[in-house]
């Protein structure tokens, strides 16, 4: 019963994280006048400031659990999940569009699940093949329209490469972050999120010279800067603070093979927000993709439940889910 409760709670946290993270796909469209460097620096400066304010009451209790090893891990994770990932993602959205970017990012669950299948007590990969196939089919449907009209325009090619880079960056983060959360037991999921935010804020400061050098700001008026500030604060609060908290809570409750499937919710909500922004209904292909995504997650849940029932019947010790 406890395992079932943890699984349900973990899936709900994963859905909440996807709901928040879907906003990051919309932000580059809302403030298209600004470059990906502007968006990344603005969002993560706000994330760092909010993290500093929220972690101050907890600092005395957690600082003794942080060694050079933890800080080094936080720096790597912050770079992979935030600084590098969002520069690449925002570039992909602006150059290749939301649909094509969603297609590439939609394959992230497949990559994470395959890597997670090597963990101890993980569900065998063969048990997850139906879920992985449904996931892949859903991702193909999501971006089929974009691929059908694909042209070899330089911007589109560069956008596609940026999306692939974002996929590699965040897949590496998802695997390593899940494992680090299991190691830093004295720290809560939110402590780890806020510490990641602090480090990300420091990295964002390092982006300012790049913004000044490669992304001129003279053409933006006060109203445009106000819009960038508002979007940065909203995305930082909802996606980075709330969304990351949900994700870390989910990562503590679910095995890595199931964690990978939860990333699908980000793609679903990114598309939903895109439809609302464009004021249209999903096409038949997009509707099919939604159905395939849901079936993929349900299939993965079913595979985990069957695996755990078999292990319980065989008396396998050390189950952690």
Protein backbone atom coordinates (compact mmCIF):
# COMPACT_ATOMS: atom_id res chain seq x y z
CA UNK A 1 0.00 0.00 0.00
CA UNK A 2 2.84 2.37 0.85
CA UNK A 3 4.48 1.70 -2.50
CA UNK A 4 1.20 2.31 -4.34
CA UNK A 5 0.67 5.55 -2.40
CA UNK A 6 4.22 6.69 -3.21
CA UNK A 7 3.71 5.91 -6.89
CA UNK A 8 0.44 7.87 -7.09
CA UNK A 9 1.94 10.82 -5.21
CA UNK A 10 5.04 10.69 -7.39
CA UNK A 11 3.00 10.76 -10.59
CA UNK A 12 0.98 13.74 -9.32
CA UNK A 13 4.20 15.58 -8.46
CA UNK A 14 5.53 14.72 -11.93
CA UNK A 15 2.36 16.11 -13.52
CA UNK A 16 2.69 19.29 -11.47
CA UNK A 17 6.32 19.70 -12.53
CA UNK A 18 5.33 19.28 -16.19
CA UNK A 19 2.57 21.85 -15.78
CA UNK A 20 5.07 24.40 -14.47
CA UNK A 21 7.90 23.51 -16.87
CA UNK A 22 5.70 23.76 -19.94
CA UNK A 23 5.83 27.52 -19.43
CA UNK A 24 9.49 27.63 -20.44
CA UNK A 25 8.52 26.71 -24.02
CA UNK A 26 6.06 29.61 -24.17
CA UNK A 27 8.32 32.29 -22.70
CA UNK A 28 10.60 32.65 -25.79
CA UNK A 29 7.49 33.25 -27.92
CA UNK A 30 6.03 35.81 -25.50
CA UNK A 31 9.22 37.91 -25.51
CA UNK A 32 10.61 37.05 -28.92
CA UNK A 33 12.33 40.48 -29.19
CA UNK A 34 14.94 39.31 -26.68
CA UNK A 35 17.69 36.77 -27.31
CA UNK A 36 18.02 33.37 -25.55
CA UNK A 37 20.90 34.86 -23.53
CA UNK A 38 18.58 37.62 -22.25
CA UNK A 39 15.93 35.05 -21.31
CA UNK A 40 18.38 32.75 -19.57
CA UNK A 41 20.14 35.50 -17.63
CA UNK A 42 16.85 37.13 -16.58
CA UNK A 43 15.15 33.91 -15.52
CA UNK A 44 18.07 32.55 -13.55
CA UNK A 45 19.04 35.82 -11.88
CA UNK A 46 15.46 35.85 -10.58
CA UNK A 47 15.71 32.16 -9.64
CA UNK A 48 18.94 32.79 -7.72
CA UNK A 49 17.49 35.77 -5.85
CA UNK A 50 14.31 33.90 -4.89
CA UNK A 51 16.37 30.88 -3.82
CA UNK A 52 18.57 33.07 -1.61
CA UNK A 53 15.55 34.61 0.12
CA UNK A 54 13.86 31.24 0.66
CA UNK A 55 16.92 29.33 1.88
CA UNK A 56 18.16 31.90 4.41
CA UNK A 57 15.96 30.61 7.27
CA UNK A 58 17.28 27.08 6.65
CA UNK A 59 20.94 27.94 6.07
CA UNK A 60 22.24 27.27 9.59
CA UNK A 61 20.59 23.83 9.61
CA UNK A 62 21.87 22.65 6.22
CA UNK A 63 25.31 24.23 5.77
CA UNK A 64 27.02 21.46 7.78
CA UNK A 65 25.84 18.90 5.20
CA UNK A 66 27.53 20.70 2.30
CA UNK A 67 31.10 19.81 1.40
CA UNK A 68 33.16 20.66 -1.65
CA UNK A 69 31.79 17.48 -3.25
CA UNK A 70 28.16 18.64 -2.93
CA UNK A 71 28.95 22.14 -4.21
CA UNK A 72 30.77 20.71 -7.23
CA UNK A 73 27.77 18.48 -7.98
CA UNK A 74 25.39 21.42 -7.63
CA UNK A 75 27.49 23.47 -10.07
CA UNK A 76 27.40 20.68 -12.68
CA UNK A 77 23.69 20.02 -12.21
CA UNK A 78 22.80 23.72 -12.34
CA UNK A 79 24.74 24.13 -15.58
CA UNK A 80 23.19 21.07 -17.23
CA UNK A 81 19.59 21.63 -16.09
CA UNK A 82 19.42 25.40 -16.22
CA UNK A 83 22.13 27.55 -17.76
CA UNK A 84 23.12 25.41 -20.75
CA UNK A 85 19.71 23.75 -21.18
CA UNK A 86 17.68 26.95 -21.34
CA UNK A 87 20.02 28.76 -23.72
CA UNK A 88 19.70 25.78 -26.08
CA UNK A 89 15.94 25.37 -25.55
CA UNK A 90 15.11 29.05 -26.08
CA UNK A 91 17.29 29.08 -29.19
CA UNK A 92 15.53 25.98 -30.54
CA UNK A 93 12.05 27.46 -29.95
CA UNK A 94 12.90 30.75 -31.63
CA UNK A 95 14.72 29.15 -34.58
CA UNK A 96 12.74 25.94 -35.21
CA UNK A 97 9.41 26.47 -33.38
CA UNK A 98 7.66 24.83 -30.43
CA UNK A 99 6.51 21.74 -32.36
CA UNK A 100 9.94 20.61 -33.56
CA UNK A 101 11.53 21.43 -30.21
CA UNK A 102 8.84 19.45 -28.41
CA UNK A 103 9.47 16.50 -30.73
CA UNK A 104 13.14 16.32 -29.77
CA UNK A 105 12.58 16.96 -26.05
CA UNK A 106 9.75 14.39 -26.17
CA UNK A 107 12.34 11.65 -26.63
CA UNK A 108 13.88 12.44 -23.25
CA UNK A 109 11.78 9.83 -21.38
CA UNK A 110 13.13 7.13 -23.68
CA UNK A 111 16.73 8.14 -22.97
CA UNK A 112 16.27 8.45 -19.20
CA UNK A 113 14.33 5.19 -18.95
CA UNK A 114 16.96 3.25 -20.89
CA UNK A 115 19.71 4.58 -18.62
CA UNK A 116 17.62 3.97 -15.49
CA UNK A 117 16.98 0.34 -16.45
CA UNK A 118 20.57 -0.42 -15.42
CA UNK A 119 19.97 0.61 -11.79
CA UNK A 120 19.74 -2.00 -9.04
CA UNK A 121 16.22 -3.44 -8.67
CA UNK A 122 15.08 -1.48 -11.73
CA UNK A 123 12.28 -2.76 -13.90
CA UNK A 124 13.81 -4.74 -16.81
CA UNK A 125 13.87 -2.80 -20.05
CA UNK A 126 11.93 -5.54 -21.85
CA UNK A 127 8.96 -4.91 -19.52
CA UNK A 128 8.95 -1.24 -20.56
CA UNK A 129 9.14 -1.75 -24.33
CA UNK A 130 5.38 -1.09 -24.89
CA UNK A 131 5.63 2.14 -22.91
CA UNK A 132 8.75 3.24 -24.75
CA UNK A 133 7.16 2.52 -28.14
CA UNK A 134 4.07 4.52 -27.21
CA UNK A 135 6.29 7.35 -26.00
CA UNK A 136 8.26 7.37 -29.24
CA UNK A 137 5.06 7.26 -31.32
CA UNK A 138 3.65 10.19 -29.35
CA UNK A 139 6.80 12.23 -29.85
CA UNK A 140 6.72 11.54 -33.59
CA UNK A 141 3.07 12.66 -33.79
CA UNK A 142 3.87 15.83 -31.85
CA UNK A 143 6.43 16.97 -34.37
CA UNK A 144 5.21 15.30 -37.55
CA UNK A 145 3.73 18.48 -38.98
CA UNK A 146 6.99 20.29 -38.41
CA UNK A 147 8.98 17.46 -39.97
CA UNK A 148 6.59 17.24 -42.93
CA UNK A 149 7.23 20.89 -43.71
CA UNK A 150 10.89 20.70 -42.72
CA UNK A 151 13.23 22.76 -44.83
CA UNK A 152 16.98 22.89 -44.79
CA UNK A 153 16.97 26.58 -43.90
CA UNK A 154 20.05 27.39 -41.80
CA UNK A 155 17.94 28.69 -38.89
CA UNK A 156 15.89 25.49 -38.76
CA UNK A 157 18.96 23.27 -38.86
CA UNK A 158 20.63 25.27 -36.09
CA UNK A 159 17.41 25.13 -34.06
CA UNK A 160 17.24 21.36 -34.46
CA UNK A 161 20.85 21.01 -33.29
CA UNK A 162 20.09 23.24 -30.28
CA UNK A 163 17.10 21.03 -29.39
CA UNK A 164 19.26 17.90 -29.59
CA UNK A 165 21.84 19.59 -27.36
CA UNK A 166 19.10 20.50 -24.87
CA UNK A 167 17.92 16.88 -24.89
CA UNK A 168 21.43 15.60 -24.10
CA UNK A 169 21.98 18.23 -21.40
CA UNK A 170 18.74 17.62 -19.52
CA UNK A 171 18.91 13.82 -19.83
CA UNK A 172 22.32 13.90 -18.16
CA UNK A 173 20.90 16.14 -15.42
CA UNK A 174 17.81 13.98 -14.79
CA UNK A 175 19.88 10.83 -14.27
CA UNK A 176 22.52 12.42 -12.04
CA UNK A 177 20.10 14.58 -10.04
CA UNK A 178 17.96 11.57 -9.16
CA UNK A 179 21.03 9.75 -7.87
CA UNK A 180 22.30 12.75 -5.91
CA UNK A 181 18.93 13.20 -4.20
CA UNK A 182 19.32 9.66 -2.86
CA UNK A 183 22.79 10.51 -1.50
CA UNK A 184 22.01 13.79 0.29
CA UNK A 185 19.44 12.29 2.62
CA UNK A 186 19.69 15.00 5.35
CA UNK A 187 18.67 17.62 2.78
CA UNK A 188 15.07 17.90 1.66
CA UNK A 189 14.07 18.00 -2.00
CA UNK A 190 13.35 21.72 -1.65
CA UNK A 191 16.72 22.37 0.05
CA UNK A 192 18.46 20.79 -2.93
CA UNK A 193 16.30 22.79 -5.35
CA UNK A 194 17.11 26.10 -3.64
CA UNK A 195 20.82 25.29 -3.45
CA UNK A 196 20.71 24.54 -7.17
CA UNK A 197 19.00 27.92 -7.60
CA UNK A 198 21.77 29.71 -5.70
CA UNK A 199 24.45 28.20 -7.93
CA UNK A 200 22.37 28.91 -11.05
CA UNK A 201 22.07 32.55 -10.00
CA UNK A 202 25.87 32.80 -9.75
CA UNK A 203 26.19 31.25 -13.22
CA UNK A 204 23.63 33.75 -14.54
CA UNK A 205 25.86 36.59 -13.35
CA UNK A 206 28.54 35.15 -15.60
CA UNK A 207 26.15 35.44 -18.56
CA UNK A 208 25.85 39.23 -18.24
CA UNK A 209 29.12 39.98 -20.09
CA UNK A 210 28.01 37.60 -22.87
CA UNK A 211 24.65 39.40 -23.08
CA UNK A 212 26.39 42.78 -23.39
CA UNK A 213 28.84 41.42 -25.97
CA UNK A 214 26.62 39.27 -28.20
CA UNK A 215 23.07 40.56 -27.56
CA UNK A 216 22.86 44.36 -27.92
CA UNK A 217 20.12 45.97 -25.84
CA UNK A 218 19.93 49.49 -27.30
CA UNK A 219 16.80 48.74 -29.36
CA UNK A 220 14.62 47.85 -26.33
CA UNK A 221 12.50 50.48 -24.60
CA UNK A 222 11.40 50.61 -20.96
CA UNK A 223 8.17 48.75 -21.65
CA UNK A 224 10.06 45.88 -23.30
CA UNK A 225 12.42 45.61 -20.33
CA UNK A 226 9.45 45.57 -17.99
CA UNK A 227 7.93 42.69 -19.97
CA UNK A 228 11.22 40.75 -19.82
CA UNK A 229 11.42 41.33 -16.06
CA UNK A 230 7.84 40.17 -15.49
CA UNK A 231 8.24 37.03 -17.61
CA UNK A 232 11.58 36.23 -15.95
CA UNK A 233 10.08 36.50 -12.46
CA UNK A 234 7.00 34.43 -13.35
CA UNK A 235 9.01 31.66 -15.01
CA UNK A 236 11.58 31.67 -12.18
CA UNK A 237 8.88 31.34 -9.52
CA UNK A 238 6.60 28.84 -11.23
CA UNK A 239 9.05 26.75 -13.29
CA UNK A 240 12.25 26.95 -11.26
CA UNK A 241 11.00 27.20 -7.66
CA UNK A 242 7.65 25.37 -7.75
CA UNK A 243 8.31 23.08 -10.72
CA UNK A 244 11.74 21.96 -9.49
CA UNK A 245 10.34 21.34 -6.01
CA UNK A 246 7.67 19.06 -7.48
CA UNK A 247 10.30 17.29 -9.60
CA UNK A 248 12.62 16.65 -6.66
CA UNK A 249 9.73 15.37 -4.56
CA UNK A 250 8.80 13.03 -7.40
CA UNK A 251 12.42 11.87 -7.81
CA UNK A 252 12.48 10.78 -4.16
CA UNK A 253 9.30 8.70 -4.60
CA UNK A 254 9.79 7.02 -7.99
CA UNK A 255 12.51 4.83 -9.52
CA UNK A 256 14.61 6.31 -12.32
CA UNK A 257 12.85 4.23 -14.99
CA UNK A 258 9.53 5.84 -14.00
CA UNK A 259 11.10 9.28 -13.50
CA UNK A 260 11.89 9.29 -17.20
CA UNK A 261 8.25 8.85 -18.13
CA UNK A 262 7.20 11.85 -16.04
CA UNK A 263 9.10 14.20 -18.36
CA UNK A 264 6.36 13.57 -20.91
CA UNK A 265 4.05 15.89 -18.96
CA UNK A 266 6.34 18.82 -19.81
CA UNK A 267 5.80 18.15 -23.51
CA UNK A 268 2.02 17.81 -23.06
CA UNK A 269 1.67 21.09 -21.19
CA UNK A 270 4.09 22.89 -23.53
CA UNK A 271 1.80 21.99 -26.43
CA UNK A 272 -1.32 22.95 -24.48
CA UNK A 273 0.08 26.38 -23.70
CA UNK A 274 1.15 26.71 -27.33
CA UNK A 275 -2.43 25.99 -28.50
CA UNK A 276 -3.79 28.60 -26.10
CA UNK A 277 -1.21 31.15 -27.24
CA UNK A 278 -2.02 30.47 -30.91
CA UNK A 279 -5.77 30.33 -30.13
CA UNK A 280 -6.42 27.05 -31.94
CA UNK A 281 -7.49 23.48 -31.31
CA UNK A 282 -5.01 20.61 -31.66
CA UNK A 283 -4.89 18.84 -35.00
CA UNK A 284 -5.70 15.16 -35.38
CA UNK A 285 -2.01 14.27 -35.10
CA UNK A 286 -1.60 16.39 -31.98
CA UNK A 287 -4.70 14.84 -30.40
CA UNK A 288 -3.31 11.40 -31.17
CA UNK A 289 -0.04 12.41 -29.52
CA UNK A 290 -1.86 13.36 -26.32
CA UNK A 291 -3.52 9.93 -26.22
CA UNK A 292 -0.23 8.14 -26.86
CA UNK A 293 1.51 10.10 -24.09
CA UNK A 294 -1.17 9.15 -21.56
CA UNK A 295 -1.07 5.50 -22.66
CA UNK A 296 2.71 5.51 -22.38
CA UNK A 297 2.64 6.67 -18.77
CA UNK A 298 -0.15 4.22 -17.86
CA UNK A 299 1.76 1.39 -19.54
CA UNK A 300 4.91 2.29 -17.63
CA UNK A 301 2.99 2.35 -14.33
CA UNK A 302 1.50 -1.04 -15.11
CA UNK A 303 4.95 -2.44 -15.90
CA UNK A 304 6.30 -1.23 -12.55
CA UNK A 305 3.36 -2.65 -10.62
CA UNK A 306 3.72 -6.08 -12.26
CA UNK A 307 7.47 -6.06 -11.59
CA UNK A 308 7.01 -5.20 -7.91
CA UNK A 309 4.32 -7.84 -7.45
CA UNK A 310 6.65 -10.49 -8.88
CA UNK A 311 9.50 -9.35 -6.62
CA UNK A 312 7.25 -9.38 -3.55
CA UNK A 313 6.08 -12.90 -4.37
CA UNK A 314 9.72 -13.96 -4.72
CA UNK A 315 10.70 -12.20 -1.49
CA UNK A 316 13.26 -9.88 -3.12
CA UNK A 317 14.73 -7.55 -0.45
CA UNK A 318 15.80 -3.94 -0.84
CA UNK A 319 12.95 -2.59 -2.91
CA UNK A 320 13.11 1.17 -2.79
CA UNK A 321 9.90 2.20 -4.44
